[in-house]
Amino acid sequence: MATGFVLITTKPGSEHDVRSSLDKIEHVVNRWMLFGEYDLIAKIQADDEYTLTKVIVEEIRPISGIVDTKTLLGAEI
């Protein structure tokens, strides 16, 4: 199982719309509103890293209202 976290910066006032869009993505297992440098964080889980990165690049980053993302991939060591 591959796990990643995406830190998201949104346009001012777009937080709720972006959160609603994240709820529609199959591999987003949870998301939280944040206070501070980032506006949202999303937890993504998939069977493999290929699927995980594809979801981030093709489904999350294009969401209207997102200005910037930072992705953190979990590692099993």
N, C-alpha and C. Protein backbone atom coordinates (compact mmCIF):
# COMPACT_ATOMS: atom_id res chain seq x y z
N MET A 1 0.85 -1.18 0.00
CA MET A 1 0.00 0.00 0.00
C MET A 1 0.90 1.24 0.00
N ALA A 2 0.63 2.15 -0.88
CA ALA A 2 1.36 3.41 -0.96
C ALA A 2 0.52 4.51 -0.32
N THR A 3 1.18 5.34 0.48
CA THR A 3 0.49 6.43 1.17
C THR A 3 1.22 7.73 0.90
N GLY A 4 0.44 8.77 0.66
CA GLY A 4 1.01 10.10 0.46
C GLY A 4 0.14 11.15 1.11
N PHE A 5 0.74 12.28 1.39
CA PHE A 5 0.03 13.43 1.93
C PHE A 5 0.30 14.60 1.00
N VAL A 6 -0.75 15.34 0.66
CA VAL A 6 -0.61 16.50 -0.21
C VAL A 6 -1.00 17.73 0.58
N LEU A 7 -0.03 18.62 0.77
CA LEU A 7 -0.28 19.92 1.40
C LEU A 7 -0.73 20.86 0.31
N ILE A 8 -1.84 21.54 0.53
CA ILE A 8 -2.48 22.32 -0.53
C ILE A 8 -2.64 23.78 -0.12
N THR A 9 -2.25 24.67 -1.02
CA THR A 9 -2.51 26.10 -0.88
C THR A 9 -3.59 26.46 -1.89
N THR A 10 -4.63 27.15 -1.43
CA THR A 10 -5.74 27.50 -2.30
C THR A 10 -5.82 29.01 -2.51
N LYS A 11 -6.58 29.39 -3.52
CA LYS A 11 -6.92 30.80 -3.68
C LYS A 11 -7.78 31.19 -2.49
N PRO A 12 -7.67 32.42 -2.01
CA PRO A 12 -8.50 32.85 -0.88
C PRO A 12 -9.99 32.62 -1.18
N GLY A 13 -10.67 31.99 -0.24
CA GLY A 13 -12.09 31.73 -0.38
C GLY A 13 -12.43 30.44 -1.11
N SER A 14 -11.43 29.71 -1.60
CA SER A 14 -11.68 28.47 -2.37
C SER A 14 -11.55 27.21 -1.53
N GLU A 15 -11.25 27.35 -0.26
CA GLU A 15 -10.97 26.18 0.58
C GLU A 15 -12.11 25.16 0.56
N HIS A 16 -13.34 25.61 0.74
CA HIS A 16 -14.47 24.69 0.82
C HIS A 16 -14.73 23.99 -0.52
N ASP A 17 -14.58 24.71 -1.63
CA ASP A 17 -14.77 24.10 -2.95
C ASP A 17 -13.70 23.05 -3.22
N VAL A 18 -12.47 23.35 -2.86
CA VAL A 18 -11.38 22.38 -3.05
C VAL A 18 -11.63 21.16 -2.18
N ARG A 19 -12.04 21.37 -0.94
CA ARG A 19 -12.33 20.25 -0.04
C ARG A 19 -13.44 19.36 -0.62
N SER A 20 -14.47 19.97 -1.18
CA SER A 20 -15.56 19.20 -1.80
C SER A 20 -15.06 18.40 -3.00
N SER A 21 -14.17 18.99 -3.78
CA SER A 21 -13.60 18.28 -4.93
C SER A 21 -12.75 17.09 -4.48
N LEU A 22 -12.01 17.26 -3.39
CA LEU A 22 -11.20 16.16 -2.87
C LEU A 22 -12.08 15.00 -2.42
N ASP A 23 -13.25 15.30 -1.89
CA ASP A 23 -14.16 14.25 -1.42
C ASP A 23 -14.63 13.34 -2.55
N LYS A 24 -14.55 13.79 -3.77
CA LYS A 24 -15.01 13.01 -4.92
C LYS A 24 -13.93 12.12 -5.52
N ILE A 25 -12.70 12.23 -5.02
CA ILE A 25 -11.58 11.45 -5.57
C ILE A 25 -11.45 10.15 -4.78
N GLU A 26 -11.50 9.04 -5.51
CA GLU A 26 -11.54 7.71 -4.89
C GLU A 26 -10.41 7.46 -3.89
N HIS A 27 -9.19 7.81 -4.23
CA HIS A 27 -8.05 7.44 -3.40
C HIS A 27 -7.76 8.44 -2.26
N VAL A 28 -8.51 9.52 -2.19
CA VAL A 28 -8.37 10.44 -1.06
C VAL A 28 -9.15 9.84 0.09
N VAL A 29 -8.42 9.38 1.12
CA VAL A 29 -9.08 8.69 2.23
C VAL A 29 -9.43 9.64 3.37
N ASN A 30 -8.82 10.81 3.39
CA ASN A 30 -9.17 11.81 4.40
C ASN A 30 -8.59 13.15 3.98
N ARG A 31 -9.16 14.21 4.52
CA ARG A 31 -8.63 15.55 4.25
C ARG A 31 -9.01 16.43 5.42
N TRP A 32 -8.16 17.41 5.70
CA TRP A 32 -8.37 18.31 6.83
C TRP A 32 -8.07 19.75 6.40
N MET A 33 -8.85 20.67 6.92
CA MET A 33 -8.56 22.09 6.76
C MET A 33 -7.42 22.41 7.73
N LEU A 34 -6.55 23.33 7.34
CA LEU A 34 -5.41 23.70 8.17
C LEU A 34 -5.38 25.21 8.40
N PHE A 35 -4.71 25.61 9.46
CA PHE A 35 -4.40 27.01 9.70
C PHE A 35 -2.88 27.13 9.62
N GLY A 36 -2.40 28.11 8.92
CA GLY A 36 -0.95 28.28 8.80
C GLY A 36 -0.54 28.42 7.35
N GLU A 37 0.62 27.87 7.02
CA GLU A 37 1.19 28.03 5.68
C GLU A 37 0.33 27.37 4.60
N TYR A 38 -0.34 26.27 4.92
CA TYR A 38 -1.17 25.54 3.97
C TYR A 38 -2.63 25.61 4.40
N ASP A 39 -3.52 25.44 3.43
CA ASP A 39 -4.95 25.53 3.69
C ASP A 39 -5.61 24.18 3.92
N LEU A 40 -5.10 23.14 3.27
CA LEU A 40 -5.65 21.79 3.37
C LEU A 40 -4.53 20.77 3.33
N ILE A 41 -4.81 19.60 3.89
CA ILE A 41 -3.94 18.44 3.72
C ILE A 41 -4.83 17.27 3.35
N ALA A 42 -4.40 16.49 2.37
CA ALA A 42 -5.16 15.32 1.93
C ALA A 42 -4.29 14.08 2.08
N LYS A 43 -4.89 13.02 2.60
CA LYS A 43 -4.20 11.73 2.70
C LYS A 43 -4.69 10.86 1.55
N ILE A 44 -3.73 10.33 0.79
CA ILE A 44 -4.05 9.50 -0.37
C ILE A 44 -3.46 8.11 -0.16
N GLN A 45 -4.26 7.09 -0.47
CA GLN A 45 -3.76 5.71 -0.40
C GLN A 45 -4.11 5.00 -1.70
N ALA A 46 -3.15 4.21 -2.18
CA ALA A 46 -3.34 3.43 -3.39
C ALA A 46 -2.53 2.14 -3.26
N ASP A 47 -2.79 1.22 -4.18
CA ASP A 47 -2.09 -0.06 -4.13
C ASP A 47 -0.61 0.06 -4.45
N ASP A 48 -0.23 1.08 -5.25
CA ASP A 48 1.17 1.23 -5.64
C ASP A 48 1.49 2.71 -5.84
N GLU A 49 2.78 3.01 -5.89
CA GLU A 49 3.21 4.41 -6.04
C GLU A 49 2.82 4.99 -7.40
N TYR A 50 2.75 4.18 -8.42
CA TYR A 50 2.34 4.67 -9.73
C TYR A 50 0.93 5.26 -9.67
N THR A 51 0.01 4.50 -9.10
CA THR A 51 -1.38 4.97 -8.98
C THR A 51 -1.44 6.19 -8.08
N LEU A 52 -0.69 6.17 -7.00
CA LEU A 52 -0.68 7.29 -6.07
C LEU A 52 -0.24 8.58 -6.76
N THR A 53 0.86 8.53 -7.47
CA THR A 53 1.35 9.74 -8.14
C THR A 53 0.43 10.16 -9.28
N LYS A 54 -0.18 9.20 -9.96
CA LYS A 54 -1.12 9.53 -11.03
C LYS A 54 -2.33 10.29 -10.48
N VAL A 55 -2.84 9.87 -9.34
CA VAL A 55 -3.97 10.56 -8.70
C VAL A 55 -3.56 11.99 -8.35
N ILE A 56 -2.38 12.16 -7.80
CA ILE A 56 -1.92 13.49 -7.39
C ILE A 56 -1.76 14.40 -8.61
N VAL A 57 -1.10 13.91 -9.64
CA VAL A 57 -0.81 14.74 -10.82
C VAL A 57 -2.05 14.97 -11.68
N GLU A 58 -2.86 13.95 -11.87
CA GLU A 58 -3.97 14.06 -12.82
C GLU A 58 -5.31 14.43 -12.20
N GLU A 59 -5.49 14.19 -10.89
CA GLU A 59 -6.79 14.46 -10.29
C GLU A 59 -6.77 15.57 -9.23
N ILE A 60 -5.70 15.67 -8.48
CA ILE A 60 -5.67 16.67 -7.40
C ILE A 60 -5.13 18.01 -7.90
N ARG A 61 -3.95 18.01 -8.49
CA ARG A 61 -3.33 19.28 -8.90
C ARG A 61 -4.18 20.11 -9.85
N PRO A 62 -4.97 19.51 -10.76
CA PRO A 62 -5.78 20.34 -11.67
C PRO A 62 -7.05 20.94 -11.04
N ILE A 63 -7.35 20.63 -9.78
CA ILE A 63 -8.58 21.15 -9.17
C ILE A 63 -8.56 22.67 -9.19
N SER A 64 -9.66 23.24 -9.66
CA SER A 64 -9.81 24.69 -9.70
C SER A 64 -9.75 25.25 -8.28
N GLY A 65 -8.96 26.28 -8.09
CA GLY A 65 -8.81 26.89 -6.77
C GLY A 65 -7.51 26.54 -6.08
N ILE A 66 -6.82 25.51 -6.58
CA ILE A 66 -5.53 25.14 -6.00
C ILE A 66 -4.44 26.00 -6.63
N VAL A 67 -3.64 26.63 -5.78
CA VAL A 67 -2.54 27.48 -6.24
C VAL A 67 -1.22 26.71 -6.23
N ASP A 68 -1.02 25.86 -5.21
CA ASP A 68 0.24 25.16 -5.06
C ASP A 68 0.02 23.90 -4.23
N THR A 69 0.87 22.89 -4.47
CA THR A 69 0.84 21.67 -3.66
C THR A 69 2.25 21.27 -3.28
N LYS A 70 2.35 20.55 -2.20
CA LYS A 70 3.61 19.93 -1.79
C LYS A 70 3.25 18.50 -1.39
N THR A 71 3.92 17.53 -1.99
CA THR A 71 3.58 16.14 -1.77
C THR A 71 4.64 15.45 -0.90
N LEU A 72 4.16 14.70 0.07
CA LEU A 72 5.01 13.92 0.95
C LEU A 72 4.62 12.45 0.77
N LEU A 73 5.57 11.61 0.38
CA LEU A 73 5.29 10.18 0.21
C LEU A 73 5.78 9.41 1.42
N GLY A 74 4.94 8.53 1.91
CA GLY A 74 5.32 7.69 3.04
C GLY A 74 6.24 6.57 2.57
N ALA A 75 7.17 6.19 3.43
CA ALA A 75 8.10 5.12 3.10
C ALA A 75 8.05 4.03 4.17
N GLU A 76 8.05 2.80 3.71
CA GLU A 76 8.11 1.67 4.63
C GLU A 76 9.56 1.22 4.70
N ILE A 77 10.20 1.50 5.82
CA ILE A 77 11.62 1.17 5.97
C ILE A 77 11.76 0.09 7.01
